[in-house]
Structure formats: C-alpha cells, structure tokens
Amino acid sequence: MTGKKVPYRIGPRRLGDPAVLVASVGKAMAELGWRPRYTELEDIITTAWQWHRRKPRGFNG
C-alpha cells in the first residue's frame, strides 16, 4: 500500500478510551443515499496515501 512501516505498540486500554469502536456507512447510505467510492480498506489506504503524497500540506498546500 504505502511501502512504509508504521511503528505501533499494543497495550492496555487507556483511561477514556471507548471499549468498542464501530464504523459503518449504513446510516449515511440509508438517510442520504450516499455511497462510498471505495469499500475495501486497502483501496482506502492506498488512495489516501496517494493524495497525501501529492498534497503533503493538505488542501492549502
């Protein structure tokens, strides 16, 4: 995807961290008729990485 290694560490839950995280586009799809352009995580990461490489300073750069 990016060709970069991302350092990470798995540890205990921190104070204030939610016990469970859920991500779903279901409500936006049902109420707004919105459809995601990319549905696979690998595609999402790849396209986000490509955008970031083209615009390292974001929209203003």
PDB file of N, CA and C in Angstrom:
ATOM      1  N   MET A   1       0.819  -1.192   0.000  1.00  0.00           N
ATOM      2  CA  MET A   1       0.000   0.000   0.000  1.00  0.00           C
ATOM      3  C   MET A   1       0.863   1.257   0.000  1.00  0.00           C
ATOM      4  N   THR A   2       1.595   1.491   1.089  1.00  0.00           N
ATOM      5  CA  THR A   2       2.397   2.709   1.169  1.00  0.00           C
ATOM      6  C   THR A   2       3.877   2.438   1.023  1.00  0.00           C
ATOM      7  N   GLY A   3       4.299   1.209   1.264  1.00  0.00           N
ATOM      8  CA  GLY A   3       5.717   0.885   1.244  1.00  0.00           C
ATOM      9  C   GLY A   3       6.430   1.341   2.503  1.00  0.00           C
ATOM     10  N   LYS A   4       5.708   1.859   3.474  1.00  0.00           N
ATOM     11  CA  LYS A   4       6.288   2.353   4.730  1.00  0.00           C
ATOM     12  C   LYS A   4       5.890   1.443   5.877  1.00  0.00           C
ATOM     13  N   LYS A   5       6.790   1.281   6.820  1.00  0.00           N
ATOM     14  CA  LYS A   5       6.468   0.548   8.039  1.00  0.00           C
ATOM     15  C   LYS A   5       5.973   1.559   9.075  1.00  0.00           C
ATOM     16  N   VAL A   6       4.901   1.219   9.739  1.00  0.00           N
ATOM     17  CA  VAL A   6       4.342   2.091  10.763  1.00  0.00           C
ATOM     18  C   VAL A   6       4.590   1.443  12.116  1.00  0.00           C
ATOM     19  N   PRO A   7       5.382   2.099  12.964  1.00  0.00           N
ATOM     20  CA  PRO A   7       5.628   1.519  14.284  1.00  0.00           C
ATOM     21  C   PRO A   7       4.355   1.572  15.136  1.00  0.00           C
ATOM     22  N   TYR A   8       4.115   0.526  15.875  1.00  0.00           N
ATOM     23  CA  TYR A   8       2.947   0.512  16.754  1.00  0.00           C
ATOM     24  C   TYR A   8       3.240  -0.359  17.961  1.00  0.00           C
ATOM     25  N   ARG A   9       2.439  -0.169  18.986  1.00  0.00           N
ATOM     26  CA  ARG A   9       2.559  -0.938  20.211  1.00  0.00           C
ATOM     27  C   ARG A   9       1.156  -1.235  20.709  1.00  0.00           C
ATOM     28  N   ILE A  10       0.892  -2.475  21.013  1.00  0.00           N
ATOM     29  CA  ILE A  10      -0.402  -2.860  21.565  1.00  0.00           C
ATOM     30  C   ILE A  10      -0.273  -2.840  23.077  1.00  0.00           C
ATOM     31  N   GLY A  11      -1.165  -2.131  23.725  1.00  0.00           N
ATOM     32  CA  GLY A  11      -1.115  -2.017  25.170  1.00  0.00           C
ATOM     33  C   GLY A  11      -2.506  -2.029  25.752  1.00  0.00           C
ATOM     34  N   PRO A  12      -2.588  -1.854  27.043  1.00  0.00           N
ATOM     35  CA  PRO A  12      -3.909  -1.851  27.695  1.00  0.00           C
ATOM     36  C   PRO A  12      -4.705  -0.604  27.305  1.00  0.00           C
ATOM     37  N   ARG A  13      -6.010  -0.711  27.442  1.00  0.00           N
ATOM     38  CA  ARG A  13      -6.889   0.412  27.161  1.00  0.00           C
ATOM     39  C   ARG A  13      -6.548   1.573  28.096  1.00  0.00           C
ATOM     40  N   ARG A  14      -6.547   2.775  27.542  1.00  0.00           N
ATOM     41  CA  ARG A  14      -6.234   3.955  28.333  1.00  0.00           C
ATOM     42  C   ARG A  14      -7.496   4.545  28.941  1.00  0.00           C
ATOM     43  N   LEU A  15      -7.345   5.309  29.978  1.00  0.00           N
ATOM     44  CA  LEU A  15      -8.469   5.983  30.608  1.00  0.00           C
ATOM     45  C   LEU A  15      -9.157   6.856  29.563  1.00  0.00           C
ATOM     46  N   GLY A  16     -10.453   6.695  29.398  1.00  0.00           N
ATOM     47  CA  GLY A  16     -11.208   7.473  28.438  1.00  0.00           C
ATOM     48  C   GLY A  16     -11.366   6.801  27.088  1.00  0.00           C
ATOM     49  N   ASP A  17     -10.592   5.751  26.800  1.00  0.00           N
ATOM     50  CA  ASP A  17     -10.753   5.027  25.540  1.00  0.00           C
ATOM     51  C   ASP A  17     -12.083   4.283  25.547  1.00  0.00           C
ATOM     52  N   PRO A  18     -12.807   4.296  24.433  1.00  0.00           N
ATOM     53  CA  PRO A  18     -14.052   3.527  24.377  1.00  0.00           C
ATOM     54  C   PRO A  18     -13.753   2.032  24.388  1.00  0.00           C
ATOM     55  N   ALA A  19     -14.660   1.269  24.940  1.00  0.00           N
ATOM     56  CA  ALA A  19     -14.472  -0.184  24.998  1.00  0.00           C
ATOM     57  C   ALA A  19     -14.587  -0.803  23.610  1.00  0.00           C
ATOM     58  N   VAL A  20     -15.426  -0.213  22.760  1.00  0.00           N
ATOM     59  CA  VAL A  20     -15.662  -0.755  21.426  1.00  0.00           C
ATOM     60  C   VAL A  20     -15.805   0.417  20.443  1.00  0.00           C
ATOM     61  N   LEU A  21     -15.230   0.273  19.263  1.00  0.00           N
ATOM     62  CA  LEU A  21     -15.414   1.251  18.193  1.00  0.00           C
ATOM     63  C   LEU A  21     -16.084   0.550  17.019  1.00  0.00           C
ATOM     64  N   VAL A  22     -17.070   1.206  16.439  1.00  0.00           N
ATOM     65  CA  VAL A  22     -17.781   0.641  15.296  1.00  0.00           C
ATOM     66  C   VAL A  22     -17.840   1.709  14.214  1.00  0.00           C
ATOM     67  N   ALA A  23     -17.463   1.339  13.005  1.00  0.00           N
ATOM     68  CA  ALA A  23     -17.549   2.263  11.875  1.00  0.00           C
ATOM     69  C   ALA A  23     -18.485   1.649  10.840  1.00  0.00           C
ATOM     70  N   SER A  24     -19.476   2.411  10.450  1.00  0.00           N
ATOM     71  CA  SER A  24     -20.425   1.913   9.477  1.00  0.00           C
ATOM     72  C   SER A  24     -20.962   3.074   8.657  1.00  0.00           C
ATOM     73  N   VAL A  25     -21.080   2.869   7.358  1.00  0.00           N
ATOM     74  CA  VAL A  25     -21.650   3.895   6.488  1.00  0.00           C
ATOM     75  C   VAL A  25     -23.147   3.693   6.310  1.00  0.00           C
ATOM     76  N   GLY A  26     -23.697   2.720   7.021  1.00  0.00           N
ATOM     77  CA  GLY A  26     -25.099   2.355   6.851  1.00  0.00           C
ATOM     78  C   GLY A  26     -26.077   3.502   7.008  1.00  0.00           C
ATOM     79  N   LYS A  27     -25.888   4.347   8.013  1.00  0.00           N
ATOM     80  CA  LYS A  27     -26.826   5.441   8.248  1.00  0.00           C
ATOM     81  C   LYS A  27     -26.747   6.482   7.134  1.00  0.00           C
ATOM     82  N   ALA A  28     -25.526   6.823   6.703  1.00  0.00           N
ATOM     83  CA  ALA A  28     -25.371   7.785   5.603  1.00  0.00           C
ATOM     84  C   ALA A  28     -25.967   7.222   4.323  1.00  0.00           C
ATOM     85  N   MET A  29     -25.809   5.944   4.101  1.00  0.00           N
ATOM     86  CA  MET A  29     -26.375   5.318   2.903  1.00  0.00           C
ATOM     87  C   MET A  29     -27.901   5.337   2.956  1.00  0.00           C
ATOM     88  N   ALA A  30     -28.447   4.981   4.107  1.00  0.00           N
ATOM     89  CA  ALA A  30     -29.905   4.893   4.247  1.00  0.00           C
ATOM     90  C   ALA A  30     -30.583   6.263   4.221  1.00  0.00           C
ATOM     91  N   GLU A  31     -30.005   7.230   4.936  1.00  0.00           N
ATOM     92  CA  GLU A  31     -30.674   8.525   5.066  1.00  0.00           C
ATOM     93  C   GLU A  31     -30.310   9.523   3.976  1.00  0.00           C
ATOM     94  N   LEU A  32     -29.109   9.420   3.428  1.00  0.00           N
ATOM     95  CA  LEU A  32     -28.661  10.407   2.452  1.00  0.00           C
ATOM     96  C   LEU A  32     -28.512   9.858   1.046  1.00  0.00           C
ATOM     97  N   GLY A  33     -28.592   8.542   0.930  1.00  0.00           N
ATOM     98  CA  GLY A  33     -28.388   7.927  -0.372  1.00  0.00           C
ATOM     99  C   GLY A  33     -26.936   7.965  -0.817  1.00  0.00           C
ATOM    100  N   TRP A  34     -26.019   8.240   0.118  1.00  0.00           N
ATOM    101  CA  TRP A  34     -24.596   8.333  -0.181  1.00  0.00           C
ATOM    102  C   TRP A  34     -23.995   6.948  -0.344  1.00  0.00           C
ATOM    103  N   ARG A  35     -23.048   6.826  -1.244  1.00  0.00           N
ATOM    104  CA  ARG A  35     -22.334   5.568  -1.453  1.00  0.00           C
ATOM    105  C   ARG A  35     -20.838   5.855  -1.434  1.00  0.00           C
ATOM    106  N   PRO A  36     -20.062   5.068  -0.708  1.00  0.00           N
ATOM    107  CA  PRO A  36     -18.611   5.290  -0.686  1.00  0.00           C
ATOM    108  C   PRO A  36     -17.988   4.940  -2.033  1.00  0.00           C
ATOM    109  N   ARG A  37     -16.990   5.692  -2.427  1.00  0.00           N
ATOM    110  CA  ARG A  37     -16.292   5.413  -3.680  1.00  0.00           C
ATOM    111  C   ARG A  37     -15.449   4.146  -3.549  1.00  0.00           C
ATOM    112  N   TYR A  38     -14.853   3.973  -2.380  1.00  0.00           N
ATOM    113  CA  TYR A  38     -14.015   2.800  -2.123  1.00  0.00           C
ATOM    114  C   TYR A  38     -14.589   2.050  -0.932  1.00  0.00           C
ATOM    115  N   THR A  39     -14.634   0.740  -1.015  1.00  0.00           N
ATOM    116  CA  THR A  39     -15.205  -0.049   0.083  1.00  0.00           C
ATOM    117  C   THR A  39     -14.181  -0.977   0.727  1.00  0.00           C
ATOM    118  N   GLU A  40     -13.062  -1.203   0.062  1.00  0.00           N
ATOM    119  CA  GLU A  40     -12.032  -2.091   0.609  1.00  0.00           C
ATOM    120  C   GLU A  40     -10.981  -1.262   1.330  1.00  0.00           C
ATOM    121  N   LEU A  41     -10.582  -1.704   2.523  1.00  0.00           N
ATOM    122  CA  LEU A  41      -9.625  -0.965   3.342  1.00  0.00           C
ATOM    123  C   LEU A  41      -8.330  -0.702   2.578  1.00  0.00           C
ATOM    124  N   GLU A  42      -7.834  -1.676   1.850  1.00  0.00           N
ATOM    125  CA  GLU A  42      -6.586  -1.481   1.098  1.00  0.00           C
ATOM    126  C   GLU A  42      -6.723  -0.348   0.080  1.00  0.00           C
ATOM    127  N   ASP A  43      -7.854  -0.278  -0.604  1.00  0.00           N
ATOM    128  CA  ASP A  43      -8.089   0.800  -1.567  1.00  0.00           C
ATOM    129  C   ASP A  43      -8.191   2.155  -0.867  1.00  0.00           C
ATOM    130  N   ILE A  44      -8.832   2.188   0.276  1.00  0.00           N
ATOM    131  CA  ILE A  44      -8.984   3.428   1.041  1.00  0.00           C
ATOM    132  C   ILE A  44      -7.622   3.947   1.471  1.00  0.00           C
ATOM    133  N   ILE A  45      -6.782   3.073   2.007  1.00  0.00           N
ATOM    134  CA  ILE A  45      -5.447   3.478   2.454  1.00  0.00           C
ATOM    135  C   ILE A  45      -4.595   3.912   1.266  1.00  0.00           C
ATOM    136  N   THR A  46      -4.633   3.143   0.186  1.00  0.00           N
ATOM    137  CA  THR A  46      -3.826   3.462  -0.992  1.00  0.00           C
ATOM    138  C   THR A  46      -4.187   4.824  -1.564  1.00  0.00           C
ATOM    139  N   THR A  47      -5.470   5.107  -1.729  1.00  0.00           N
ATOM    140  CA  THR A  47      -5.868   6.384  -2.308  1.00  0.00           C
ATOM    141  C   THR A  47      -5.592   7.542  -1.353  1.00  0.00           C
ATOM    142  N   ALA A  48      -5.748   7.319  -0.063  1.00  0.00           N
ATOM    143  CA  ALA A  48      -5.427   8.361   0.918  1.00  0.00           C
ATOM    144  C   ALA A  48      -3.927   8.662   0.896  1.00  0.00           C
ATOM    145  N   TRP A  49      -3.114   7.631   0.794  1.00  0.00           N
ATOM    146  CA  TRP A  49      -1.664   7.804   0.742  1.00  0.00           C
ATOM    147  C   TRP A  49      -1.257   8.552  -0.529  1.00  0.00           C
ATOM    148  N   GLN A  50      -1.849   8.212  -1.653  1.00  0.00           N
ATOM    149  CA  GLN A  50      -1.545   8.894  -2.905  1.00  0.00           C
ATOM    150  C   GLN A  50      -1.904  10.378  -2.814  1.00  0.00           C
ATOM    151  N   TRP A  51      -3.054  10.682  -2.231  1.00  0.00           N
ATOM    152  CA  TRP A  51      -3.472  12.081  -2.068  1.00  0.00           C
ATOM    153  C   TRP A  51      -2.490  12.826  -1.177  1.00  0.00           C
ATOM    154  N   HIS A  52      -2.108  12.197  -0.070  1.00  0.00           N
ATOM    155  CA  HIS A  52      -1.186  12.836   0.873  1.00  0.00           C
ATOM    156  C   HIS A  52       0.173  13.099   0.219  1.00  0.00           C
ATOM    157  N   ARG A  53       0.636  12.184  -0.602  1.00  0.00           N
ATOM    158  CA  ARG A  53       1.914  12.384  -1.281  1.00  0.00           C
ATOM    159  C   ARG A  53       1.836  13.547  -2.268  1.00  0.00           C
ATOM    160  N   ARG A  54       0.690  13.740  -2.906  1.00  0.00           N
ATOM    161  CA  ARG A  54       0.518  14.854  -3.839  1.00  0.00           C
ATOM    162  C   ARG A  54       0.329  16.178  -3.096  1.00  0.00           C
ATOM    163  N   LYS A  55      -0.279  16.120  -1.912  1.00  0.00           N
ATOM    164  CA  LYS A  55      -0.581  17.343  -1.157  1.00  0.00           C
ATOM    165  C   LYS A  55      -0.127  17.180   0.301  1.00  0.00           C
ATOM    166  N   PRO A  56       1.190  17.162   0.534  1.00  0.00           N
ATOM    167  CA  PRO A  56       1.680  16.922   1.902  1.00  0.00           C
ATOM    168  C   PRO A  56       1.259  17.981   2.919  1.00  0.00           C
ATOM    169  N   ARG A  57       0.859  19.164   2.429  1.00  0.00           N
ATOM    170  CA  ARG A  57       0.393  20.212   3.333  1.00  0.00           C
ATOM    171  C   ARG A  57      -1.128  20.308   3.362  1.00  0.00           C
ATOM    172  N   GLY A  58      -1.799  19.330   2.794  1.00  0.00           N
ATOM    173  CA  GLY A  58      -3.251  19.319   2.808  1.00  0.00           C
ATOM    174  C   GLY A  58      -3.842  20.170   1.699  1.00  0.00           C
ATOM    175  N   PHE A  59      -5.074  20.581   1.870  1.00  0.00           N
ATOM    176  CA  PHE A  59      -5.775  21.343   0.850  1.00  0.00           C
ATOM    177  C   PHE A  59      -5.119  22.685   0.569  1.00  0.00           C
ATOM    178  N   ASN A  60      -4.476  23.275   1.585  1.00  0.00           N
ATOM    179  CA  ASN A  60      -3.894  24.605   1.420  1.00  0.00           C
ATOM    180  C   ASN A  60      -2.492  24.579   0.819  1.00  0.00           C
ATOM    181  N   GLY A  61      -1.905  23.385   0.640  1.00  0.00           N
ATOM    182  CA  GLY A  61      -0.507  23.315   0.201  1.00  0.00           C
ATOM    183  C   GLY A  61      -0.277  23.219  -1.230  1.00  0.00           C
TER     184      GLY A  61
END
